[in-house]
């Protein structure tokens, strides 16, 4: 995939992986558009990256996605890359206390349904481009669930499965379908972990992870597994129960 002169839309681009993707893709000479739910965070991202374009939008809201499509396509008709990155992550223990319905439903709506809706909304436009791409951001937890975050893990497994199917369905089109499955990354999302958990996970630097991702995109590596993700996927195949037991030893 050519990594310059694209017009790229990134959901959840105000911090973490999304922001770092925006920063590095801008440096490569792309037009970059980011979305987020919080206007103040979008304003801060714009201040840090003056050349980025911002739209307030919520991927859990179908109407917001429809509105976003109309605005983006009218202003940026050359859009040819969609990166579904928006996500939330909660620790949920169904055994020790009743789980808030809002917490687990929002993970599903944002992490899984939101990405599927974005693909569905923008697909017809992407098909009109000579060269186009979709990248869905899953997680290493798509391969082995982390019991302390059961719904998050399930949504990422869902994204992994959806992306595999989408890639097959679009194999005879101009659209390349990528999956990025990061390990733990040093971003605001990891704040849900305790200090001992973070130490054990050894979060990867976001800048380094995105540089690896861009190289993977350049080489048309359709499943991009930075850091520990490759080893985790391999181990999930050869010793799935062992890996699940290892993850079960951490706090929940």
C-alpha atoms as a PDB file:
ATOM      1  CA  UNK A   1       0.000   0.000   0.000  1.00  0.00           C
ATOM      2  CA  UNK A   2       1.259   3.455  -0.874  1.00  0.00           C
ATOM      3  CA  UNK A   3       1.696   5.456   2.330  1.00  0.00           C
ATOM      4  CA  UNK A   4       1.613   9.007   0.969  1.00  0.00           C
ATOM      5  CA  UNK A   5      -0.945  11.215  -0.766  1.00  0.00           C
ATOM      6  CA  UNK A   6      -3.899   9.362   0.750  1.00  0.00           C
ATOM      7  CA  UNK A   7      -6.941  10.908   2.405  1.00  0.00           C
ATOM      8  CA  UNK A   8      -7.394   9.030   5.672  1.00  0.00           C
ATOM      9  CA  UNK A   9     -10.209   9.004   8.226  1.00  0.00           C
ATOM     10  CA  UNK A  10      -9.324   7.773  11.734  1.00  0.00           C
ATOM     11  CA  UNK A  11     -11.999   7.258  14.378  1.00  0.00           C
ATOM     12  CA  UNK A  12     -10.958   7.861  17.969  1.00  0.00           C
ATOM     13  CA  UNK A  13      -8.050  10.012  16.883  1.00  0.00           C
ATOM     14  CA  UNK A  14      -7.714  12.397  19.820  1.00  0.00           C
ATOM     15  CA  UNK A  15      -5.330  10.276  21.904  1.00  0.00           C
ATOM     16  CA  UNK A  16      -3.392   7.035  22.086  1.00  0.00           C
ATOM     17  CA  UNK A  17      -2.997   4.908  18.972  1.00  0.00           C
ATOM     18  CA  UNK A  18      -5.352   7.050  16.883  1.00  0.00           C
ATOM     19  CA  UNK A  19      -3.483  10.267  17.627  1.00  0.00           C
ATOM     20  CA  UNK A  20      -0.091   8.676  16.954  1.00  0.00           C
ATOM     21  CA  UNK A  21      -1.358   7.263  13.665  1.00  0.00           C
ATOM     22  CA  UNK A  22      -2.590  10.728  12.699  1.00  0.00           C
ATOM     23  CA  UNK A  23       0.738  12.334  13.572  1.00  0.00           C
ATOM     24  CA  UNK A  24       2.881   9.885  11.628  1.00  0.00           C
ATOM     25  CA  UNK A  25       0.561   9.674   8.630  1.00  0.00           C
ATOM     26  CA  UNK A  26       0.551  13.464   8.377  1.00  0.00           C
ATOM     27  CA  UNK A  27       4.351  13.435   8.319  1.00  0.00           C
ATOM     28  CA  UNK A  28       4.238  11.073   5.341  1.00  0.00           C
ATOM     29  CA  UNK A  29       2.251  13.574   3.276  1.00  0.00           C
ATOM     30  CA  UNK A  30      -1.312  12.353   3.748  1.00  0.00           C
ATOM     31  CA  UNK A  31      -4.494  14.314   4.386  1.00  0.00           C
ATOM     32  CA  UNK A  32      -5.694  13.098   7.790  1.00  0.00           C
ATOM     33  CA  UNK A  33      -9.148  13.436   9.345  1.00  0.00           C
ATOM     34  CA  UNK A  34      -9.840  12.375  12.926  1.00  0.00           C
ATOM     35  CA  UNK A  35     -13.055  11.952  14.876  1.00  0.00           C
ATOM     36  CA  UNK A  36     -13.869  11.914  18.576  1.00  0.00           C
ATOM     37  CA  UNK A  37     -16.802  12.372  20.936  1.00  0.00           C
ATOM     38  CA  UNK A  38     -15.252  15.175  22.991  1.00  0.00           C
ATOM     39  CA  UNK A  39     -14.904  18.512  21.207  1.00  0.00           C
ATOM     40  CA  UNK A  40     -12.366  19.802  23.733  1.00  0.00           C
ATOM     41  CA  UNK A  41     -10.103  16.819  23.006  1.00  0.00           C
ATOM     42  CA  UNK A  42     -10.513  17.407  19.281  1.00  0.00           C
ATOM     43  CA  UNK A  43      -9.507  21.042  19.783  1.00  0.00           C
ATOM     44  CA  UNK A  44      -6.417  19.960  21.731  1.00  0.00           C
ATOM     45  CA  UNK A  45      -5.466  17.466  19.013  1.00  0.00           C
ATOM     46  CA  UNK A  46      -5.861  20.214  16.413  1.00  0.00           C
ATOM     47  CA  UNK A  47      -3.594  22.453  18.463  1.00  0.00           C
ATOM     48  CA  UNK A  48      -0.923  19.758  18.551  1.00  0.00           C
ATOM     49  CA  UNK A  49      -1.409  18.778  14.899  1.00  0.00           C
ATOM     50  CA  UNK A  50      -2.427  21.971  13.043  1.00  0.00           C
ATOM     51  CA  UNK A  51      -2.788  20.164   9.706  1.00  0.00           C
ATOM     52  CA  UNK A  52      -5.231  17.546  10.961  1.00  0.00           C
ATOM     53  CA  UNK A  53      -8.951  17.908  10.197  1.00  0.00           C
ATOM     54  CA  UNK A  54     -11.438  17.181  12.979  1.00  0.00           C
ATOM     55  CA  UNK A  55     -15.083  16.130  13.201  1.00  0.00           C
ATOM     56  CA  UNK A  56     -17.026  15.510  16.377  1.00  0.00           C
ATOM     57  CA  UNK A  57     -18.783  12.160  16.030  1.00  0.00           C
ATOM     58  CA  UNK A  58     -19.769   9.100  18.059  1.00  0.00           C
ATOM     59  CA  UNK A  59     -19.416   5.683  16.387  1.00  0.00           C
ATOM     60  CA  UNK A  60     -22.002   4.200  18.757  1.00  0.00           C
ATOM     61  CA  UNK A  61     -24.672   6.468  17.199  1.00  0.00           C
ATOM     62  CA  UNK A  62     -25.852   5.383  13.713  1.00  0.00           C
ATOM     63  CA  UNK A  63     -27.239   8.872  12.985  1.00  0.00           C
ATOM     64  CA  UNK A  64     -23.899  10.452  13.895  1.00  0.00           C
ATOM     65  CA  UNK A  65     -22.138   8.094  11.482  1.00  0.00           C
ATOM     66  CA  UNK A  66     -24.547   9.024   8.704  1.00  0.00           C
ATOM     67  CA  UNK A  67     -24.016  12.736   9.389  1.00  0.00           C
ATOM     68  CA  UNK A  68     -20.252  12.235   9.499  1.00  0.00           C
ATOM     69  CA  UNK A  69     -20.338  10.520   6.115  1.00  0.00           C
ATOM     70  CA  UNK A  70     -22.201  13.403   4.483  1.00  0.00           C
ATOM     71  CA  UNK A  71     -19.802  15.998   5.918  1.00  0.00           C
ATOM     72  CA  UNK A  72     -16.586  14.116   5.207  1.00  0.00           C
ATOM     73  CA  UNK A  73     -17.448  13.055   1.650  1.00  0.00           C
ATOM     74  CA  UNK A  74     -18.609  16.551   0.711  1.00  0.00           C
ATOM     75  CA  UNK A  75     -15.413  18.161   2.039  1.00  0.00           C
ATOM     76  CA  UNK A  76     -12.970  15.341   1.278  1.00  0.00           C
ATOM     77  CA  UNK A  77     -14.252  13.455  -1.794  1.00  0.00           C
ATOM     78  CA  UNK A  78     -10.813  11.847  -2.265  1.00  0.00           C
ATOM     79  CA  UNK A  79     -11.154   9.872   0.977  1.00  0.00           C
ATOM     80  CA  UNK A  80      -9.676   6.428   0.292  1.00  0.00           C
ATOM     81  CA  UNK A  81      -8.611   5.018   3.675  1.00  0.00           C
ATOM     82  CA  UNK A  82     -10.752   4.256   6.727  1.00  0.00           C
ATOM     83  CA  UNK A  83      -9.136   3.337  10.056  1.00  0.00           C
ATOM     84  CA  UNK A  84     -11.569   2.075  12.691  1.00  0.00           C
ATOM     85  CA  UNK A  85      -9.724   2.777  15.914  1.00  0.00           C
ATOM     86  CA  UNK A  86     -12.305   4.159  18.371  1.00  0.00           C
ATOM     87  CA  UNK A  87     -12.586   2.010  21.487  1.00  0.00           C
ATOM     88  CA  UNK A  88     -13.306   1.888  25.213  1.00  0.00           C
ATOM     89  CA  UNK A  89     -12.146  -0.648  27.782  1.00  0.00           C
ATOM     90  CA  UNK A  90     -13.583  -1.506  31.205  1.00  0.00           C
ATOM     91  CA  UNK A  91     -12.771  -3.994  33.910  1.00  0.00           C
ATOM     92  CA  UNK A  92     -15.988  -5.909  34.583  1.00  0.00           C
ATOM     93  CA  UNK A  93     -16.472  -8.699  37.147  1.00  0.00           C
ATOM     94  CA  UNK A  94     -19.835 -10.397  36.753  1.00  0.00           C
ATOM     95  CA  UNK A  95     -19.223 -12.546  39.839  1.00  0.00           C
ATOM     96  CA  UNK A  96     -18.451  -9.969  42.515  1.00  0.00           C
ATOM     97  CA  UNK A  97     -21.030  -7.326  41.590  1.00  0.00           C
ATOM     98  CA  UNK A  98     -23.815  -6.602  39.165  1.00  0.00           C
ATOM     99  CA  UNK A  99     -22.339  -5.069  36.034  1.00  0.00           C
ATOM    100  CA  UNK A 100     -23.616  -1.701  34.832  1.00  0.00           C
ATOM    101  CA  UNK A 101     -25.522  -2.284  31.592  1.00  0.00           C
ATOM    102  CA  UNK A 102     -24.140   0.982  30.196  1.00  0.00           C
ATOM    103  CA  UNK A 103     -20.550  -0.168  30.691  1.00  0.00           C
ATOM    104  CA  UNK A 104     -20.758  -3.419  28.780  1.00  0.00           C
ATOM    105  CA  UNK A 105     -23.208  -2.215  26.136  1.00  0.00           C
ATOM    106  CA  UNK A 106     -21.009   0.792  25.344  1.00  0.00           C
ATOM    107  CA  UNK A 107     -18.023  -1.486  24.775  1.00  0.00           C
ATOM    108  CA  UNK A 108     -20.050  -3.490  22.278  1.00  0.00           C
ATOM    109  CA  UNK A 109     -21.541  -0.436  20.559  1.00  0.00           C
ATOM    110  CA  UNK A 110     -18.240   1.437  20.236  1.00  0.00           C
ATOM    111  CA  UNK A 111     -15.678  -1.334  19.791  1.00  0.00           C
ATOM    112  CA  UNK A 112     -17.636  -3.731  17.586  1.00  0.00           C
ATOM    113  CA  UNK A 113     -20.898  -2.308  16.239  1.00  0.00           C
ATOM    114  CA  UNK A 114     -19.323   1.089  15.611  1.00  0.00           C
ATOM    115  CA  UNK A 115     -16.593  -0.333  13.396  1.00  0.00           C
ATOM    116  CA  UNK A 116     -19.077  -2.447  11.452  1.00  0.00           C
ATOM    117  CA  UNK A 117     -21.367   0.538  10.940  1.00  0.00           C
ATOM    118  CA  UNK A 118     -18.474   2.705   9.755  1.00  0.00           C
ATOM    119  CA  UNK A 119     -17.469   0.070   7.191  1.00  0.00           C
ATOM    120  CA  UNK A 120     -21.041  -0.272   5.992  1.00  0.00           C
ATOM    121  CA  UNK A 121     -21.481   3.504   5.703  1.00  0.00           C
ATOM    122  CA  UNK A 122     -18.239   4.277   3.853  1.00  0.00           C
ATOM    123  CA  UNK A 123     -17.853   1.119   1.755  1.00  0.00           C
ATOM    124  CA  UNK A 124     -19.730   2.310  -1.330  1.00  0.00           C
ATOM    125  CA  UNK A 125     -17.554   5.432  -1.484  1.00  0.00           C
ATOM    126  CA  UNK A 126     -14.302   3.513  -1.011  1.00  0.00           C
ATOM    127  CA  UNK A 127     -15.277   1.240  -3.918  1.00  0.00           C
ATOM    128  CA  UNK A 128     -15.171   4.256  -6.238  1.00  0.00           C
ATOM    129  CA  UNK A 129     -11.466   4.833  -5.575  1.00  0.00           C
ATOM    130  CA  UNK A 130      -8.696   3.331  -7.660  1.00  0.00           C
ATOM    131  CA  UNK A 131      -6.853   2.324  -4.507  1.00  0.00           C
ATOM    132  CA  UNK A 132      -8.499   2.105  -1.079  1.00  0.00           C
ATOM    133  CA  UNK A 133      -8.022   0.469   2.304  1.00  0.00           C
ATOM    134  CA  UNK A 134      -9.804  -0.316   5.552  1.00  0.00           C
ATOM    135  CA  UNK A 135      -7.873  -1.012   8.748  1.00  0.00           C
ATOM    136  CA  UNK A 136      -9.738  -2.307  11.786  1.00  0.00           C
ATOM    137  CA  UNK A 137      -7.957  -2.102  15.133  1.00  0.00           C
ATOM    138  CA  UNK A 138      -8.513  -5.192  17.234  1.00  0.00           C
ATOM    139  CA  UNK A 139      -6.151  -6.330  20.012  1.00  0.00           C
ATOM    140  CA  UNK A 140      -3.890  -9.159  21.078  1.00  0.00           C
ATOM    141  CA  UNK A 141      -6.833 -10.013  23.345  1.00  0.00           C
ATOM    142  CA  UNK A 142      -8.707 -11.070  20.207  1.00  0.00           C
ATOM    143  CA  UNK A 143      -6.646 -14.285  20.418  1.00  0.00           C
ATOM    144  CA  UNK A 144      -6.660 -14.917  24.183  1.00  0.00           C
ATOM    145  CA  UNK A 145      -9.292 -13.228  26.384  1.00  0.00           C
ATOM    146  CA  UNK A 146      -8.260 -11.321  29.465  1.00  0.00           C
ATOM    147  CA  UNK A 147     -10.799 -12.489  32.097  1.00  0.00           C
ATOM    148  CA  UNK A 148     -10.764  -9.149  33.935  1.00  0.00           C
ATOM    149  CA  UNK A 149     -12.093  -7.508  30.750  1.00  0.00           C
ATOM    150  CA  UNK A 150     -14.502 -10.081  29.324  1.00  0.00           C
ATOM    151  CA  UNK A 151     -16.607  -7.793  27.134  1.00  0.00           C
ATOM    152  CA  UNK A 152     -13.629  -5.855  25.742  1.00  0.00           C
ATOM    153  CA  UNK A 153     -11.915  -9.140  24.851  1.00  0.00           C
ATOM    154  CA  UNK A 154     -15.092 -10.403  23.194  1.00  0.00           C
ATOM    155  CA  UNK A 155     -15.486  -7.267  21.079  1.00  0.00           C
ATOM    156  CA  UNK A 156     -11.908  -7.534  19.855  1.00  0.00           C
ATOM    157  CA  UNK A 157     -12.383 -11.199  18.970  1.00  0.00           C
ATOM    158  CA  UNK A 158     -15.459 -10.056  17.062  1.00  0.00           C
ATOM    159  CA  UNK A 159     -13.467  -7.427  15.167  1.00  0.00           C
ATOM    160  CA  UNK A 160     -10.850 -10.053  14.277  1.00  0.00           C
ATOM    161  CA  UNK A 161     -13.527 -12.383  12.903  1.00  0.00           C
ATOM    162  CA  UNK A 162     -15.369  -9.601  11.074  1.00  0.00           C
ATOM    163  CA  UNK A 163     -12.159  -8.388   9.439  1.00  0.00           C
ATOM    164  CA  UNK A 164     -11.273 -11.862   8.200  1.00  0.00           C
ATOM    165  CA  UNK A 165     -14.698 -12.238   6.595  1.00  0.00           C
ATOM    166  CA  UNK A 166     -14.639  -8.724   5.152  1.00  0.00           C
ATOM    167  CA  UNK A 167     -11.239  -9.359   3.575  1.00  0.00           C
ATOM    168  CA  UNK A 168     -12.601 -12.405   1.755  1.00  0.00           C
ATOM    169  CA  UNK A 169     -15.754 -10.595   0.638  1.00  0.00           C
ATOM    170  CA  UNK A 170     -13.717  -7.706  -0.794  1.00  0.00           C
ATOM    171  CA  UNK A 171     -10.873  -9.752  -2.284  1.00  0.00           C
ATOM    172  CA  UNK A 172     -11.951  -8.952  -5.855  1.00  0.00           C
ATOM    173  CA  UNK A 173     -12.326  -5.231  -5.243  1.00  0.00           C
ATOM    174  CA  UNK A 174      -9.909  -2.319  -5.063  1.00  0.00           C
ATOM    175  CA  UNK A 175     -10.134  -2.268  -1.237  1.00  0.00           C
ATOM    176  CA  UNK A 176      -7.379  -3.813   0.877  1.00  0.00           C
ATOM    177  CA  UNK A 177      -8.533  -4.930   4.324  1.00  0.00           C
ATOM    178  CA  UNK A 178      -6.040  -4.787   7.191  1.00  0.00           C
ATOM    179  CA  UNK A 179      -6.218  -5.711  10.848  1.00  0.00           C
ATOM    180  CA  UNK A 180      -3.988  -4.136  13.491  1.00  0.00           C
ATOM    181  CA  UNK A 181      -3.883  -6.227  16.680  1.00  0.00           C
ATOM    182  CA  UNK A 182      -1.761  -4.269  19.172  1.00  0.00           C
ATOM    183  CA  UNK A 183      -0.427  -5.635  22.444  1.00  0.00           C
ATOM    184  CA  UNK A 184      -0.786  -3.474  25.569  1.00  0.00           C
ATOM    185  CA  UNK A 185       0.201   0.052  24.491  1.00  0.00           C
ATOM    186  CA  UNK A 186       1.230   2.964  26.690  1.00  0.00           C
ATOM    187  CA  UNK A 187      -1.967   4.992  26.141  1.00  0.00           C
ATOM    188  CA  UNK A 188      -4.776   6.363  28.364  1.00  0.00           C
ATOM    189  CA  UNK A 189      -6.637   3.039  27.945  1.00  0.00           C
ATOM    190  CA  UNK A 190      -4.103   1.206  30.124  1.00  0.00           C
ATOM    191  CA  UNK A 191      -5.032   3.387  33.089  1.00  0.00           C
ATOM    192  CA  UNK A 192      -7.601   0.726  34.000  1.00  0.00           C
ATOM    193  CA  UNK A 193      -4.761  -1.611  34.980  1.00  0.00           C
ATOM    194  CA  UNK A 194      -3.075  -1.708  38.368  1.00  0.00           C
ATOM    195  CA  UNK A 195       0.639  -0.921  38.643  1.00  0.00           C
ATOM    196  CA  UNK A 196       1.635  -4.589  39.015  1.00  0.00           C
ATOM    197  CA  UNK A 197      -0.418  -5.552  35.961  1.00  0.00           C
ATOM    198  CA  UNK A 198       1.194  -2.846  33.851  1.00  0.00           C
ATOM    199  CA  UNK A 199       4.639  -3.971  34.943  1.00  0.00           C
ATOM    200  CA  UNK A 200       3.856  -7.559  33.949  1.00  0.00           C
ATOM    201  CA  UNK A 201       2.416  -6.546  30.570  1.00  0.00           C
ATOM    202  CA  UNK A 202       5.265  -4.197  29.632  1.00  0.00           C
ATOM    203  CA  UNK A 203       3.183  -1.844  27.439  1.00  0.00           C
ATOM    204  CA  UNK A 204       4.692  -1.024  24.060  1.00  0.00           C
ATOM    205  CA  UNK A 205       5.474   2.577  23.154  1.00  0.00           C
ATOM    206  CA  UNK A 206       2.762   3.981  20.870  1.00  0.00           C
ATOM    207  CA  UNK A 207       5.251   5.721  18.589  1.00  0.00           C
ATOM    208  CA  UNK A 208       7.193   2.500  18.033  1.00  0.00           C
ATOM    209  CA  UNK A 209       4.005   0.500  17.502  1.00  0.00           C
ATOM    210  CA  UNK A 210       2.692   2.905  14.862  1.00  0.00           C
ATOM    211  CA  UNK A 211       6.009   2.899  12.999  1.00  0.00           C
ATOM    212  CA  UNK A 212       5.764  -0.902  12.880  1.00  0.00           C
ATOM    213  CA  UNK A 213       2.157  -0.623  11.680  1.00  0.00           C
ATOM    214  CA  UNK A 214       3.030   1.729   8.843  1.00  0.00           C
ATOM    215  CA  UNK A 215       5.766  -0.634   7.661  1.00  0.00           C
ATOM    216  CA  UNK A 216       3.205  -3.429   7.719  1.00  0.00           C
ATOM    217  CA  UNK A 217       0.791  -1.395   5.617  1.00  0.00           C
ATOM    218  CA  UNK A 218       3.553  -0.590   3.125  1.00  0.00           C
ATOM    219  CA  UNK A 219       4.286  -4.300   2.733  1.00  0.00           C
ATOM    220  CA  UNK A 220       0.589  -5.254   2.460  1.00  0.00           C
ATOM    221  CA  UNK A 221       0.829  -7.324   5.638  1.00  0.00           C
ATOM    222  CA  UNK A 222      -2.903  -7.732   6.125  1.00  0.00           C
ATOM    223  CA  UNK A 223      -2.644  -8.914   9.734  1.00  0.00           C
ATOM    224  CA  UNK A 224      -0.297  -6.612  11.629  1.00  0.00           C
ATOM    225  CA  UNK A 225       0.898  -8.033  14.965  1.00  0.00           C
ATOM    226  CA  UNK A 226       3.293  -5.662  16.761  1.00  0.00           C
ATOM    227  CA  UNK A 227       5.366  -6.536  19.803  1.00  0.00           C
ATOM    228  CA  UNK A 228       4.063  -9.461  21.870  1.00  0.00           C
ATOM    229  CA  UNK A 229       0.951  -9.901  19.717  1.00  0.00           C
ATOM    230  CA  UNK A 230       2.586 -12.301  17.265  1.00  0.00           C
ATOM    231  CA  UNK A 231       3.827 -14.595  20.041  1.00  0.00           C
ATOM    232  CA  UNK A 232       0.473 -14.414  21.810  1.00  0.00           C
ATOM    233  CA  UNK A 233      -1.410 -15.456  18.683  1.00  0.00           C
ATOM    234  CA  UNK A 234       0.984 -18.359  18.151  1.00  0.00           C
ATOM    235  CA  UNK A 235       0.666 -19.501  21.761  1.00  0.00           C
ATOM    236  CA  UNK A 236      -3.116 -19.242  21.579  1.00  0.00           C
ATOM    237  CA  UNK A 237      -3.002 -21.903  18.873  1.00  0.00           C
ATOM    238  CA  UNK A 238      -0.511 -24.312  20.406  1.00  0.00           C
ATOM    239  CA  UNK A 239      -1.445 -23.905  24.096  1.00  0.00           C
ATOM    240  CA  UNK A 240      -4.740 -22.004  24.417  1.00  0.00           C
ATOM    241  CA  UNK A 241      -5.654 -23.232  27.913  1.00  0.00           C
ATOM    242  CA  UNK A 242      -2.177 -22.482  29.230  1.00  0.00           C
ATOM    243  CA  UNK A 243      -2.391 -18.890  27.967  1.00  0.00           C
ATOM    244  CA  UNK A 244      -5.869 -18.411  29.412  1.00  0.00           C
ATOM    245  CA  UNK A 245      -4.641 -19.736  32.750  1.00  0.00           C
ATOM    246  CA  UNK A 246      -1.743 -17.308  32.693  1.00  0.00           C
ATOM    247  CA  UNK A 247      -4.072 -14.384  32.047  1.00  0.00           C
ATOM    248  CA  UNK A 248      -6.390 -15.640  34.800  1.00  0.00           C
ATOM    249  CA  UNK A 249      -3.670 -15.192  37.424  1.00  0.00           C
ATOM    250  CA  UNK A 250      -3.846 -11.404  37.172  1.00  0.00           C
ATOM    251  CA  UNK A 251      -6.241  -9.347  39.279  1.00  0.00           C
ATOM    252  CA  UNK A 252      -9.861  -9.083  38.194  1.00  0.00           C
END
